[in-house]
Amino acid sequence: MAPAAKSRVREVSSTKPERLDRVSRGQRRRHTLVFTVLALCLMGVALLHVWLRLQVVQMGYVLSTTSKLENQLEQENRELKVELATLTSPDRLEAMARRRLGLMPPEKGQVIILP
């Protein structure tokens, strides 16, 4: 019985490596596919991260430029308010009215107060 058992073992063992070889090829293909998909996903996430960082930097530059422009416009607004206050001051208007138009303060009797 021993020789018959050995021949069966040889038959079984001779078919197993072929079967294992087939299974391992399929598993290798699956593992390669899974690895490739994971690698592509990782690369996609890395590229997305880099793109987002670039967007943050670009928005930082835009924000900085906008902030500088806002400060310039606020300064110009303050200067224009000072100029407006200077041009519309009562003392200046009175001096210009006397000089250019020859106006004088009203004398007694020229002002009529209405009831």
Protein backbone atom coordinates (compact mmCIF):
# COMPACT_ATOMS: atom_id res chain seq x y z
CA MET A 1 0.00 0.00 0.00
CA ALA A 2 2.87 2.24 0.53
CA PRO A 3 3.88 2.34 -3.13
CA ALA A 4 0.31 3.09 -4.20
CA ALA A 5 0.06 5.86 -1.65
CA LYS A 6 3.30 7.32 -2.91
CA SER A 7 2.02 7.34 -6.48
CA ARG A 8 -1.16 9.08 -5.39
CA VAL A 9 0.87 11.62 -3.48
CA ARG A 10 3.00 12.16 -6.55
CA GLU A 11 -0.11 12.58 -8.70
CA VAL A 12 -1.68 15.00 -6.25
CA SER A 13 1.57 16.85 -5.73
CA SER A 14 2.16 17.03 -9.47
CA THR A 15 -1.24 18.63 -10.03
CA LYS A 16 -1.00 21.00 -7.07
CA PRO A 17 1.93 23.09 -8.35
CA GLU A 18 0.06 23.72 -11.60
CA ARG A 19 -3.03 24.67 -9.66
CA LEU A 20 -1.01 26.84 -7.27
CA ASP A 21 0.73 28.41 -10.23
CA ARG A 22 -2.64 29.32 -11.78
CA VAL A 23 -3.96 30.67 -8.52
CA SER A 24 -0.83 32.65 -7.85
CA ARG A 25 -0.94 34.17 -11.35
CA GLY A 26 -4.51 35.30 -10.76
CA GLN A 27 -3.62 36.58 -7.33
CA ARG A 28 -0.59 38.37 -8.74
CA ARG A 29 -2.77 40.06 -11.32
CA ARG A 30 -5.27 41.07 -8.64
CA HIS A 31 -2.50 42.31 -6.36
CA THR A 32 -0.94 44.24 -9.24
CA LEU A 33 -4.30 45.76 -10.14
CA VAL A 34 -5.05 46.69 -6.53
CA PHE A 35 -1.56 48.14 -6.11
CA THR A 36 -1.92 50.14 -9.33
CA VAL A 37 -5.32 51.50 -8.30
CA LEU A 38 -4.01 52.43 -4.86
CA ALA A 39 -0.94 54.08 -6.38
CA LEU A 40 -3.12 56.09 -8.77
CA CYS A 41 -5.41 57.12 -5.92
CA LEU A 42 -2.42 58.19 -3.85
CA MET A 43 -1.02 60.18 -6.76
CA GLY A 44 -4.41 61.79 -7.29
CA VAL A 45 -4.64 62.78 -3.64
CA ALA A 46 -1.08 64.15 -3.73
CA LEU A 47 -1.81 66.18 -6.87
CA LEU A 48 -5.02 67.48 -5.33
CA HIS A 49 -3.12 68.52 -2.21
CA VAL A 50 -0.48 70.35 -4.27
CA TRP A 51 -3.15 72.09 -6.38
CA LEU A 52 -5.01 73.21 -3.25
CA ARG A 53 -1.80 74.57 -1.71
CA LEU A 54 -1.11 76.51 -4.91
CA GLN A 55 -4.63 77.93 -4.79
CA VAL A 56 -4.10 79.01 -1.18
CA VAL A 57 -0.85 80.76 -2.11
CA GLN A 58 -2.47 82.44 -5.12
CA MET A 59 -5.42 83.62 -3.00
CA GLY A 60 -2.90 84.95 -0.47
CA TYR A 61 -1.30 87.07 -3.19
CA VAL A 62 -4.69 88.30 -4.37
CA LEU A 63 -5.69 89.13 -0.80
CA SER A 64 -2.43 90.99 -0.21
CA THR A 65 -2.87 93.03 -3.39
CA THR A 66 -6.49 93.79 -2.53
CA SER A 67 -5.51 94.82 0.99
CA LYS A 68 -2.86 97.23 -0.37
CA LEU A 69 -5.38 98.70 -2.80
CA GLU A 70 -7.92 99.10 0.00
CA ASN A 71 -5.35 100.96 2.14
CA GLN A 72 -4.49 103.26 -0.78
CA LEU A 73 -8.15 104.01 -1.44
CA GLU A 74 -8.81 104.72 2.24
CA GLN A 75 -5.85 107.14 2.30
CA GLU A 76 -7.12 108.87 -0.85
CA ASN A 77 -10.61 109.08 0.70
CA ARG A 78 -9.17 110.74 3.83
CA GLU A 79 -7.24 113.22 1.69
CA LEU A 80 -10.35 114.04 -0.35
CA LYS A 81 -12.40 114.59 2.82
CA VAL A 82 -9.78 117.01 4.12
CA GLU A 83 -9.77 118.81 0.76
CA LEU A 84 -13.57 118.99 0.76
CA ALA A 85 -13.60 120.36 4.30
CA THR A 86 -10.99 122.94 3.33
CA LEU A 87 -12.82 124.04 0.17
CA THR A 88 -16.21 124.33 1.87
CA SER A 89 -15.06 126.02 5.08
CA PRO A 90 -17.11 129.12 5.85
CA ASP A 91 -14.04 131.35 6.26
CA ARG A 92 -12.70 130.42 2.84
CA LEU A 93 -16.08 130.84 1.18
CA GLU A 94 -16.50 134.29 2.76
CA ALA A 95 -13.04 135.38 1.61
CA MET A 96 -13.70 134.18 -1.95
CA ALA A 97 -17.12 135.89 -1.99
CA ARG A 98 -15.53 139.21 -0.98
CA ARG A 99 -12.62 138.92 -3.38
CA ARG A 100 -14.24 137.49 -6.52
CA LEU A 101 -17.82 138.69 -6.26
CA GLY A 102 -17.29 141.84 -4.21
CA LEU A 103 -19.89 140.80 -1.64
CA MET A 104 -20.07 142.55 1.73
CA PRO A 105 -21.87 141.78 4.97
CA PRO A 106 -25.41 143.25 4.97
CA GLU A 107 -25.89 146.60 6.64
CA LYS A 108 -28.69 147.49 9.01
CA GLY A 109 -31.99 147.63 7.30
CA GLN A 110 -31.00 145.29 4.44
CA VAL A 111 -32.01 142.20 6.39
CA ILE A 112 -35.75 141.62 6.62
CA ILE A 113 -36.92 139.02 9.09
CA LEU A 114 -40.12 137.31 8.04
CA PRO A 115 -42.72 136.26 10.62
